[in-house]
C-alpha atoms as a PDB file:
ATOM      1  CA  UNK A   1      -6.598  16.312  15.752  1.00  0.00           C
ATOM      2  CA  UNK A   2      -4.095  13.501  15.160  1.00  0.00           C
ATOM      3  CA  UNK A   3      -3.524  12.316  11.578  1.00  0.00           C
ATOM      4  CA  UNK A   4      -5.163   8.936  12.220  1.00  0.00           C
ATOM      5  CA  UNK A   5      -8.494  10.586  13.074  1.00  0.00           C
ATOM      6  CA  UNK A   6      -8.647  12.642   9.896  1.00  0.00           C
ATOM      7  CA  UNK A   7     -10.215  11.458   6.601  1.00  0.00           C
ATOM      8  CA  UNK A   8      -8.065   9.308   4.318  1.00  0.00           C
ATOM      9  CA  UNK A   9      -8.377   7.513   0.998  1.00  0.00           C
ATOM     10  CA  UNK A  10      -7.600   3.818   1.426  1.00  0.00           C
ATOM     11  CA  UNK A  11      -6.144   2.427  -1.803  1.00  0.00           C
ATOM     12  CA  UNK A  12      -5.253  -1.038  -3.055  1.00  0.00           C
ATOM     13  CA  UNK A  13      -4.835  -2.883  -6.337  1.00  0.00           C
ATOM     14  CA  UNK A  14      -4.813  -6.495  -7.443  1.00  0.00           C
ATOM     15  CA  UNK A  15      -2.620  -7.204 -10.428  1.00  0.00           C
ATOM     16  CA  UNK A  16      -1.267  -9.765 -12.862  1.00  0.00           C
ATOM     17  CA  UNK A  17       2.044  -9.955 -10.975  1.00  0.00           C
ATOM     18  CA  UNK A  18       4.555  -8.003  -8.925  1.00  0.00           C
ATOM     19  CA  UNK A  19       6.604  -6.286 -11.642  1.00  0.00           C
ATOM     20  CA  UNK A  20       5.557  -2.634 -11.701  1.00  0.00           C
ATOM     21  CA  UNK A  21       7.021  -2.141 -15.174  1.00  0.00           C
ATOM     22  CA  UNK A  22       5.282  -4.958 -17.016  1.00  0.00           C
ATOM     23  CA  UNK A  23       2.356  -6.215 -14.960  1.00  0.00           C
ATOM     24  CA  UNK A  24      -1.177  -4.849 -15.145  1.00  0.00           C
ATOM     25  CA  UNK A  25      -3.923  -3.784 -12.763  1.00  0.00           C
ATOM     26  CA  UNK A  26      -6.855  -6.204 -12.605  1.00  0.00           C
ATOM     27  CA  UNK A  27      -8.891  -4.589  -9.847  1.00  0.00           C
ATOM     28  CA  UNK A  28      -8.638  -1.499  -7.661  1.00  0.00           C
ATOM     29  CA  UNK A  29     -10.409   0.053  -4.709  1.00  0.00           C
ATOM     30  CA  UNK A  30     -10.339   3.593  -3.352  1.00  0.00           C
ATOM     31  CA  UNK A  31     -12.280   4.007  -0.116  1.00  0.00           C
ATOM     32  CA  UNK A  32     -12.937   7.349   1.532  1.00  0.00           C
ATOM     33  CA  UNK A  33     -12.765   6.663   5.274  1.00  0.00           C
ATOM     34  CA  UNK A  34     -13.687   9.131   7.999  1.00  0.00           C
ATOM     35  CA  UNK A  35     -15.556   9.336  11.281  1.00  0.00           C
ATOM     36  CA  UNK A  36     -18.739   9.307   9.202  1.00  0.00           C
ATOM     37  CA  UNK A  37     -17.963   5.870   7.757  1.00  0.00           C
ATOM     38  CA  UNK A  38     -16.534   4.487   4.539  1.00  0.00           C
ATOM     39  CA  UNK A  39     -17.505   5.144   0.921  1.00  0.00           C
ATOM     40  CA  UNK A  40     -15.939   2.785  -1.594  1.00  0.00           C
ATOM     41  CA  UNK A  41     -15.234   3.030  -5.300  1.00  0.00           C
ATOM     42  CA  UNK A  42     -14.145  -0.227  -6.913  1.00  0.00           C
ATOM     43  CA  UNK A  43     -13.086  -1.246 -10.393  1.00  0.00           C
ATOM     44  CA  UNK A  44     -12.626  -4.477 -12.308  1.00  0.00           C
ATOM     45  CA  UNK A  45     -10.476  -4.170 -15.412  1.00  0.00           C
ATOM     46  CA  UNK A  46      -9.895  -6.289 -18.462  1.00  0.00           C
ATOM     47  CA  UNK A  47      -6.102  -5.902 -18.379  1.00  0.00           C
ATOM     48  CA  UNK A  48      -5.701  -6.894 -22.009  1.00  0.00           C
ATOM     49  CA  UNK A  49      -3.304  -9.727 -21.151  1.00  0.00           C
ATOM     50  CA  UNK A  50      -3.594 -13.186 -19.665  1.00  0.00           C
ATOM     51  CA  UNK A  51      -3.830 -13.283 -15.880  1.00  0.00           C
ATOM     52  CA  UNK A  52      -1.303 -15.882 -14.687  1.00  0.00           C
ATOM     53  CA  UNK A  53      -2.587 -18.742 -12.560  1.00  0.00           C
ATOM     54  CA  UNK A  54      -0.330 -17.641  -9.713  1.00  0.00           C
ATOM     55  CA  UNK A  55      -2.021 -14.233  -9.619  1.00  0.00           C
ATOM     56  CA  UNK A  56      -5.493 -15.751  -9.876  1.00  0.00           C
ATOM     57  CA  UNK A  57      -4.647 -18.005  -6.930  1.00  0.00           C
ATOM     58  CA  UNK A  58      -4.187 -14.850  -4.833  1.00  0.00           C
ATOM     59  CA  UNK A  59      -7.090 -12.618  -5.888  1.00  0.00           C
ATOM     60  CA  UNK A  60      -9.340 -15.259  -7.539  1.00  0.00           C
ATOM     61  CA  UNK A  61      -9.907 -13.241 -10.721  1.00  0.00           C
ATOM     62  CA  UNK A  62      -9.476 -15.309 -13.869  1.00  0.00           C
ATOM     63  CA  UNK A  63      -8.695 -14.089 -17.355  1.00  0.00           C
ATOM     64  CA  UNK A  64     -12.147 -15.234 -18.494  1.00  0.00           C
ATOM     65  CA  UNK A  65     -13.922 -13.357 -15.703  1.00  0.00           C
ATOM     66  CA  UNK A  66     -11.965 -10.163 -16.321  1.00  0.00           C
ATOM     67  CA  UNK A  67     -12.699 -10.304 -20.047  1.00  0.00           C
ATOM     68  CA  UNK A  68     -16.396 -10.959 -19.498  1.00  0.00           C
ATOM     69  CA  UNK A  69     -17.038  -8.487 -16.679  1.00  0.00           C
ATOM     70  CA  UNK A  70     -14.134  -6.049 -16.599  1.00  0.00           C
ATOM     71  CA  UNK A  71     -14.139  -2.576 -18.087  1.00  0.00           C
ATOM     72  CA  UNK A  72     -11.508  -1.518 -20.621  1.00  0.00           C
ATOM     73  CA  UNK A  73      -8.199  -0.966 -18.846  1.00  0.00           C
ATOM     74  CA  UNK A  74      -7.875   2.572 -20.173  1.00  0.00           C
ATOM     75  CA  UNK A  75     -11.221   3.597 -18.667  1.00  0.00           C
ATOM     76  CA  UNK A  76     -10.391   2.028 -15.305  1.00  0.00           C
ATOM     77  CA  UNK A  77      -6.962   3.637 -15.089  1.00  0.00           C
ATOM     78  CA  UNK A  78      -8.388   7.016 -16.041  1.00  0.00           C
ATOM     79  CA  UNK A  79     -11.007   6.751 -13.282  1.00  0.00           C
ATOM     80  CA  UNK A  80      -8.541   5.600 -10.630  1.00  0.00           C
ATOM     81  CA  UNK A  81      -6.035   8.331 -11.461  1.00  0.00           C
ATOM     82  CA  UNK A  82      -8.833  10.898 -11.265  1.00  0.00           C
ATOM     83  CA  UNK A  83      -9.936   9.721  -7.819  1.00  0.00           C
ATOM     84  CA  UNK A  84      -6.365   9.678  -6.496  1.00  0.00           C
ATOM     85  CA  UNK A  85      -5.772  13.124  -7.994  1.00  0.00           C
ATOM     86  CA  UNK A  86      -8.869  14.542  -6.322  1.00  0.00           C
ATOM     87  CA  UNK A  87      -7.698  13.255  -2.938  1.00  0.00           C
ATOM     88  CA  UNK A  88      -4.249  14.782  -3.440  1.00  0.00           C
ATOM     89  CA  UNK A  89      -5.792  18.108  -4.486  1.00  0.00           C
ATOM     90  CA  UNK A  90      -8.014  18.089  -1.391  1.00  0.00           C
ATOM     91  CA  UNK A  91      -5.146  17.264   0.955  1.00  0.00           C
ATOM     92  CA  UNK A  92      -6.500  13.804   1.794  1.00  0.00           C
ATOM     93  CA  UNK A  93      -3.704  11.263   2.436  1.00  0.00           C
ATOM     94  CA  UNK A  94      -3.557   7.949   0.586  1.00  0.00           C
ATOM     95  CA  UNK A  95      -3.529   5.015   3.010  1.00  0.00           C
ATOM     96  CA  UNK A  96      -2.557   1.452   2.232  1.00  0.00           C
ATOM     97  CA  UNK A  97      -0.146  -1.411   2.801  1.00  0.00           C
ATOM     98  CA  UNK A  98       3.065  -1.114   0.799  1.00  0.00           C
ATOM     99  CA  UNK A  99       1.490   1.786  -1.079  1.00  0.00           C
ATOM    100  CA  UNK A 100       4.658   2.356  -3.089  1.00  0.00           C
ATOM    101  CA  UNK A 101       3.790  -0.728  -5.140  1.00  0.00           C
ATOM    102  CA  UNK A 102       0.214   0.356  -5.862  1.00  0.00           C
ATOM    103  CA  UNK A 103       1.130   3.932  -6.767  1.00  0.00           C
ATOM    104  CA  UNK A 104       4.068   2.828  -8.911  1.00  0.00           C
ATOM    105  CA  UNK A 105       2.104   0.292 -10.928  1.00  0.00           C
ATOM    106  CA  UNK A 106      -0.703   2.851 -11.328  1.00  0.00           C
ATOM    107  CA  UNK A 107       1.878   5.298 -12.658  1.00  0.00           C
ATOM    108  CA  UNK A 108       3.083   2.766 -15.234  1.00  0.00           C
ATOM    109  CA  UNK A 109      -0.483   1.911 -16.258  1.00  0.00           C
ATOM    110  CA  UNK A 110      -1.225   5.613 -16.682  1.00  0.00           C
ATOM    111  CA  UNK A 111       1.792   5.962 -18.939  1.00  0.00           C
ATOM    112  CA  UNK A 112       0.699   2.892 -20.887  1.00  0.00           C
ATOM    113  CA  UNK A 113      -2.935   3.874 -21.392  1.00  0.00           C
ATOM    114  CA  UNK A 114      -3.148   7.639 -20.879  1.00  0.00           C
ATOM    115  CA  UNK A 115       0.173   8.829 -22.277  1.00  0.00           C
ATOM    116  CA  UNK A 116       1.491  10.335 -19.032  1.00  0.00           C
ATOM    117  CA  UNK A 117       2.299   9.226 -15.515  1.00  0.00           C
ATOM    118  CA  UNK A 118       0.949  10.418 -12.200  1.00  0.00           C
ATOM    119  CA  UNK A 119       3.309  13.388 -12.348  1.00  0.00           C
ATOM    120  CA  UNK A 120       1.359  14.573 -15.379  1.00  0.00           C
ATOM    121  CA  UNK A 121      -2.012  14.067 -13.694  1.00  0.00           C
ATOM    122  CA  UNK A 122      -1.446  15.975 -10.447  1.00  0.00           C
ATOM    123  CA  UNK A 123       1.255  17.652  -8.372  1.00  0.00           C
ATOM    124  CA  UNK A 124       3.220  14.812  -6.787  1.00  0.00           C
ATOM    125  CA  UNK A 125       4.762  17.170  -4.235  1.00  0.00           C
ATOM    126  CA  UNK A 126       1.314  17.474  -2.657  1.00  0.00           C
ATOM    127  CA  UNK A 127       0.733  13.755  -2.165  1.00  0.00           C
ATOM    128  CA  UNK A 128       0.665  12.509   1.425  1.00  0.00           C
ATOM    129  CA  UNK A 129       0.774   8.800   2.198  1.00  0.00           C
ATOM    130  CA  UNK A 130       0.125   6.613   5.240  1.00  0.00           C
ATOM    131  CA  UNK A 131       1.887   3.316   4.596  1.00  0.00           C
ATOM    132  CA  UNK A 132       1.174   0.580   7.135  1.00  0.00           C
ATOM    133  CA  UNK A 133       4.140  -1.436   5.882  1.00  0.00           C
ATOM    134  CA  UNK A 134       6.629   1.338   6.643  1.00  0.00           C
ATOM    135  CA  UNK A 135       4.967   2.312   9.922  1.00  0.00           C
ATOM    136  CA  UNK A 136       4.694  -1.239  11.234  1.00  0.00           C
ATOM    137  CA  UNK A 137       8.343  -2.030  10.501  1.00  0.00           C
ATOM    138  CA  UNK A 138       9.311   0.992  12.548  1.00  0.00           C
ATOM    139  CA  UNK A 139       7.002   0.836  15.561  1.00  0.00           C
ATOM    140  CA  UNK A 140       7.344  -2.929  16.068  1.00  0.00           C
ATOM    141  CA  UNK A 141      10.743  -4.045  14.714  1.00  0.00           C
ATOM    142  CA  UNK A 142      12.272  -7.520  15.075  1.00  0.00           C
ATOM    143  CA  UNK A 143       9.029  -9.428  14.625  1.00  0.00           C
ATOM    144  CA  UNK A 144       9.536 -12.988  13.383  1.00  0.00           C
ATOM    145  CA  UNK A 145       7.709 -14.896  10.665  1.00  0.00           C
ATOM    146  CA  UNK A 146       4.481 -16.484  11.817  1.00  0.00           C
ATOM    147  CA  UNK A 147       5.155 -19.642   9.810  1.00  0.00           C
ATOM    148  CA  UNK A 148       6.865 -20.818   6.632  1.00  0.00           C
ATOM    149  CA  UNK A 149       3.860 -19.565   4.649  1.00  0.00           C
ATOM    150  CA  UNK A 150       3.043 -16.404   6.604  1.00  0.00           C
ATOM    151  CA  UNK A 151       5.561 -13.598   6.778  1.00  0.00           C
ATOM    152  CA  UNK A 152       6.088 -11.132   9.588  1.00  0.00           C
ATOM    153  CA  UNK A 153       4.885  -8.119   7.601  1.00  0.00           C
ATOM    154  CA  UNK A 154       1.996  -9.460   5.557  1.00  0.00           C
ATOM    155  CA  UNK A 155      -1.349  -7.709   5.845  1.00  0.00           C
ATOM    156  CA  UNK A 156      -2.891 -10.722   7.604  1.00  0.00           C
ATOM    157  CA  UNK A 157      -0.079 -10.656  10.159  1.00  0.00           C
ATOM    158  CA  UNK A 158      -0.606  -6.975  10.876  1.00  0.00           C
ATOM    159  CA  UNK A 159      -4.329  -7.574  11.318  1.00  0.00           C
ATOM    160  CA  UNK A 160      -3.540 -10.250  13.880  1.00  0.00           C
ATOM    161  CA  UNK A 161      -0.843  -8.243  15.671  1.00  0.00           C
ATOM    162  CA  UNK A 162      -3.097  -5.205  16.024  1.00  0.00           C
ATOM    163  CA  UNK A 163      -6.067  -7.309  17.189  1.00  0.00           C
ATOM    164  CA  UNK A 164      -8.262  -6.879  14.136  1.00  0.00           C
ATOM    165  CA  UNK A 165     -10.438  -9.586  12.612  1.00  0.00           C
ATOM    166  CA  UNK A 166      -9.481 -11.322   9.381  1.00  0.00           C
ATOM    167  CA  UNK A 167     -11.812 -12.876   6.812  1.00  0.00           C
ATOM    168  CA  UNK A 168      -9.722 -15.131   4.595  1.00  0.00           C
ATOM    169  CA  UNK A 169     -12.622 -15.563   2.199  1.00  0.00           C
ATOM    170  CA  UNK A 170     -12.784 -11.826   1.499  1.00  0.00           C
ATOM    171  CA  UNK A 171      -9.063 -11.151   1.812  1.00  0.00           C
ATOM    172  CA  UNK A 172      -6.809 -10.451  -1.172  1.00  0.00           C
ATOM    173  CA  UNK A 173      -9.565  -8.486  -2.858  1.00  0.00           C
ATOM    174  CA  UNK A 174      -8.688  -4.835  -3.388  1.00  0.00           C
ATOM    175  CA  UNK A 175     -11.675  -3.489  -1.414  1.00  0.00           C
ATOM    176  CA  UNK A 176     -11.104  -5.714   1.613  1.00  0.00           C
ATOM    177  CA  UNK A 177      -7.350  -5.139   1.676  1.00  0.00           C
ATOM    178  CA  UNK A 178      -7.703  -1.359   1.305  1.00  0.00           C
ATOM    179  CA  UNK A 179     -10.170  -1.162   4.169  1.00  0.00           C
ATOM    180  CA  UNK A 180      -8.047  -3.439   6.356  1.00  0.00           C
ATOM    181  CA  UNK A 181      -4.995  -1.249   5.728  1.00  0.00           C
ATOM    182  CA  UNK A 182      -7.021   1.796   6.781  1.00  0.00           C
ATOM    183  CA  UNK A 183      -8.078   0.045   9.984  1.00  0.00           C
ATOM    184  CA  UNK A 184      -4.484  -0.927  10.733  1.00  0.00           C
ATOM    185  CA  UNK A 185      -3.318   2.633  10.092  1.00  0.00           C
ATOM    186  CA  UNK A 186      -5.913   3.906  12.551  1.00  0.00           C
ATOM    187  CA  UNK A 187      -4.819   1.342  15.116  1.00  0.00           C
ATOM    188  CA  UNK A 188      -1.140   2.255  14.738  1.00  0.00           C
ATOM    189  CA  UNK A 189      -1.983   5.939  15.042  1.00  0.00           C
ATOM    190  CA  UNK A 190      -3.995   5.267  18.196  1.00  0.00           C
ATOM    191  CA  UNK A 191      -1.103   3.342  19.731  1.00  0.00           C
ATOM    192  CA  UNK A 192       1.351   6.099  18.826  1.00  0.00           C
ATOM    193  CA  UNK A 193      -0.700   8.671  20.728  1.00  0.00           C
ATOM    194  CA  UNK A 194      -1.485   6.294  23.601  1.00  0.00           C
ATOM    195  CA  UNK A 195       0.593   6.518  26.803  1.00  0.00           C
ATOM    196  CA  UNK A 196       3.138   3.701  26.859  1.00  0.00           C
ATOM    197  CA  UNK A 197       1.759   2.247  30.079  1.00  0.00           C
ATOM    198  CA  UNK A 198      -1.635   1.713  28.437  1.00  0.00           C
ATOM    199  CA  UNK A 199      -0.390  -0.075  25.328  1.00  0.00           C
ATOM    200  CA  UNK A 200      -0.928  -3.826  25.025  1.00  0.00           C
ATOM    201  CA  UNK A 201       2.023  -6.185  25.183  1.00  0.00           C
ATOM    202  CA  UNK A 202       3.690  -7.143  21.907  1.00  0.00           C
ATOM    203  CA  UNK A 203       6.292  -9.710  20.945  1.00  0.00           C
ATOM    204  CA  UNK A 204       9.702  -8.055  21.374  1.00  0.00           C
ATOM    205  CA  UNK A 205       7.809  -5.174  22.951  1.00  0.00           C
ATOM    206  CA  UNK A 206      10.966  -3.868  24.577  1.00  0.00           C
ATOM    207  CA  UNK A 207      12.035  -2.646  21.115  1.00  0.00           C
ATOM    208  CA  UNK A 208       8.794  -0.846  20.226  1.00  0.00           C
ATOM    209  CA  UNK A 209       9.187   2.682  18.854  1.00  0.00           C
ATOM    210  CA  UNK A 210       5.680   4.152  18.884  1.00  0.00           C
ATOM    211  CA  UNK A 211       6.791   7.170  20.896  1.00  0.00           C
ATOM    212  CA  UNK A 212       9.216   8.273  18.169  1.00  0.00           C
ATOM    213  CA  UNK A 213       6.261   9.168  15.938  1.00  0.00           C
ATOM    214  CA  UNK A 214       4.102  10.881  18.539  1.00  0.00           C
ATOM    215  CA  UNK A 215       2.794  14.349  17.822  1.00  0.00           C
ATOM    216  CA  UNK A 216       3.521  14.380  14.086  1.00  0.00           C
ATOM    217  CA  UNK A 217       1.098  15.985  11.660  1.00  0.00           C
ATOM    218  CA  UNK A 218       0.496  14.345   8.292  1.00  0.00           C
ATOM    219  CA  UNK A 219       3.239  16.374   6.570  1.00  0.00           C
ATOM    220  CA  UNK A 220       5.840  15.404   9.153  1.00  0.00           C
ATOM    221  CA  UNK A 221       4.632  11.799   9.159  1.00  0.00           C
ATOM    222  CA  UNK A 222       4.972  11.625   5.374  1.00  0.00           C
ATOM    223  CA  UNK A 223       8.535  12.964   5.496  1.00  0.00           C
ATOM    224  CA  UNK A 224       9.429  10.590   8.327  1.00  0.00           C
ATOM    225  CA  UNK A 225       8.125   7.604   6.371  1.00  0.00           C
ATOM    226  CA  UNK A 226      10.216   8.614   3.367  1.00  0.00           C
ATOM    227  CA  UNK A 227      13.350   8.508   5.535  1.00  0.00           C
ATOM    228  CA  UNK A 228      12.267   5.267   7.202  1.00  0.00           C
ATOM    229  CA  UNK A 229      11.683   3.597   3.825  1.00  0.00           C
ATOM    230  CA  UNK A 230      15.277   4.330   2.861  1.00  0.00           C
ATOM    231  CA  UNK A 231      16.581   2.966   6.172  1.00  0.00           C
ATOM    232  CA  UNK A 232      14.441  -0.156   5.986  1.00  0.00           C
ATOM    233  CA  UNK A 233      15.449  -0.894   2.397  1.00  0.00           C
ATOM    234  CA  UNK A 234      19.125  -0.517   3.282  1.00  0.00           C
ATOM    235  CA  UNK A 235      18.741  -2.936   6.171  1.00  0.00           C
ATOM    236  CA  UNK A 236      16.943  -5.498   4.039  1.00  0.00           C
ATOM    237  CA  UNK A 237      19.481  -5.135   1.251  1.00  0.00           C
ATOM    238  CA  UNK A 238      22.306  -5.764   3.716  1.00  0.00           C
ATOM    239  CA  UNK A 239      20.543  -8.904   4.903  1.00  0.00           C
ATOM    240  CA  UNK A 240      19.978 -10.192   1.360  1.00  0.00           C
ATOM    241  CA  UNK A 241      23.606  -9.557   0.431  1.00  0.00           C
ATOM    242  CA  UNK A 242      24.705 -12.133   2.933  1.00  0.00           C
ATOM    243  CA  UNK A 243      23.620 -14.658   0.296  1.00  0.00           C
ATOM    244  CA  UNK A 244      23.577 -12.552  -2.868  1.00  0.00           C
ATOM    245  CA  UNK A 245      26.276  -9.837  -3.109  1.00  0.00           C
ATOM    246  CA  UNK A 246      24.348  -8.175  -5.955  1.00  0.00           C
ATOM    247  CA  UNK A 247      20.982  -7.927  -4.187  1.00  0.00           C
ATOM    248  CA  UNK A 248      19.307  -4.528  -4.452  1.00  0.00           C
ATOM    249  CA  UNK A 249      16.295  -3.263  -2.494  1.00  0.00           C
ATOM    250  CA  UNK A 250      14.757  -0.035  -3.782  1.00  0.00           C
ATOM    251  CA  UNK A 251      14.055   2.400  -0.951  1.00  0.00           C
ATOM    252  CA  UNK A 252      12.386   5.122  -2.996  1.00  0.00           C
ATOM    253  CA  UNK A 253       8.999   6.047  -1.581  1.00  0.00           C
ATOM    254  CA  UNK A 254       6.092   6.632  -2.028  1.00  0.00           C
ATOM    255  CA  UNK A 255       6.556   6.235  -5.795  1.00  0.00           C
ATOM    256  CA  UNK A 256       9.357   4.584  -7.734  1.00  0.00           C
ATOM    257  CA  UNK A 257      10.073   7.061 -10.556  1.00  0.00           C
ATOM    258  CA  UNK A 258       9.756   5.901 -14.132  1.00  0.00           C
ATOM    259  CA  UNK A 259      12.929   5.685 -16.189  1.00  0.00           C
ATOM    260  CA  UNK A 260      13.462   4.804 -19.829  1.00  0.00           C
ATOM    261  CA  UNK A 261      15.291   1.715 -18.599  1.00  0.00           C
ATOM    262  CA  UNK A 262      11.924   0.333 -17.433  1.00  0.00           C
ATOM    263  CA  UNK A 263       9.696  -1.743 -19.704  1.00  0.00           C
ATOM    264  CA  UNK A 264       6.280  -0.205 -19.160  1.00  0.00           C
ATOM    265  CA  UNK A 265       4.879  -1.208 -22.525  1.00  0.00           C
END
C-alpha cells in the first residue's frame, strides 16, 4: 500500500508570529486521518504573552479570547508533545504544510515549558514526516505567484492547484489547515502513483517531477524530502542573494535543532 493511503497524523499550529525561538503557540490541531475518517484533537492556549494584531489578523484569535478561553500553555504543550510522541512511537507519519516550522516551534515551547525539547520526549530518529511544502516544490516546480497577495506555495494555492475546495472563513485555523494539508498530501501521493498520461494538466506541466517519487515507502520518502529541503533552501538562498549577499535560508528538515544561540525564553 502506498504511503498516501496509510494513516497519518495531520498537524498544524497557529502562533504569535513566525520566529521559532521567541514566538508562542496559540492553537494546535492533531488529526488522525485514515480510510476510516478523521479524528481531531485541538487545543487553544493562553500563550502568556500578547498576541500581536498581525497574528490575530491571520488566525482571528485575540489576546483577550486566548486569556479567557485558552488553557495554560504548559498543559497544552504537554498534551501536544504527547500526541506527537505517540504517533512517532506507532510509526504514524506527521503530515502538514511546512511542518518544519510547526515541529520547531513546538520543540522550543517544550523547552520553555517542560524543560526539554522533542528529542527528550521521544526518539527523533523514528519520526517520519509528509511535508506538502517540500513535495509540492518538487513535483510541480516553476509555478508563479497567483497575485501580489497570494504566493505560489501558500496552502490556499496548493488547494487550488490540486483541485480541492477552499473555505476562506475556516482557513488559517489549525484544524482546517491541518486537514487541508492532509488532503493535499493524499492528492500528491495519488498523482505520484498515477500513470503520467492520466494526470491532469498543470501550469508548466512539462517540468513536473511526480515520477521521481514513485514507488517510495514512507522511510524512503522521508529521506528524499530531507535531501529536497536542502536543495530547495539552497536555490532560494541563491535567489535572495541577488539582492542581499548575506541572505540565509535554513534547509534543515524536519526540525531545526535548538542551539544556545537561540532565544527560546
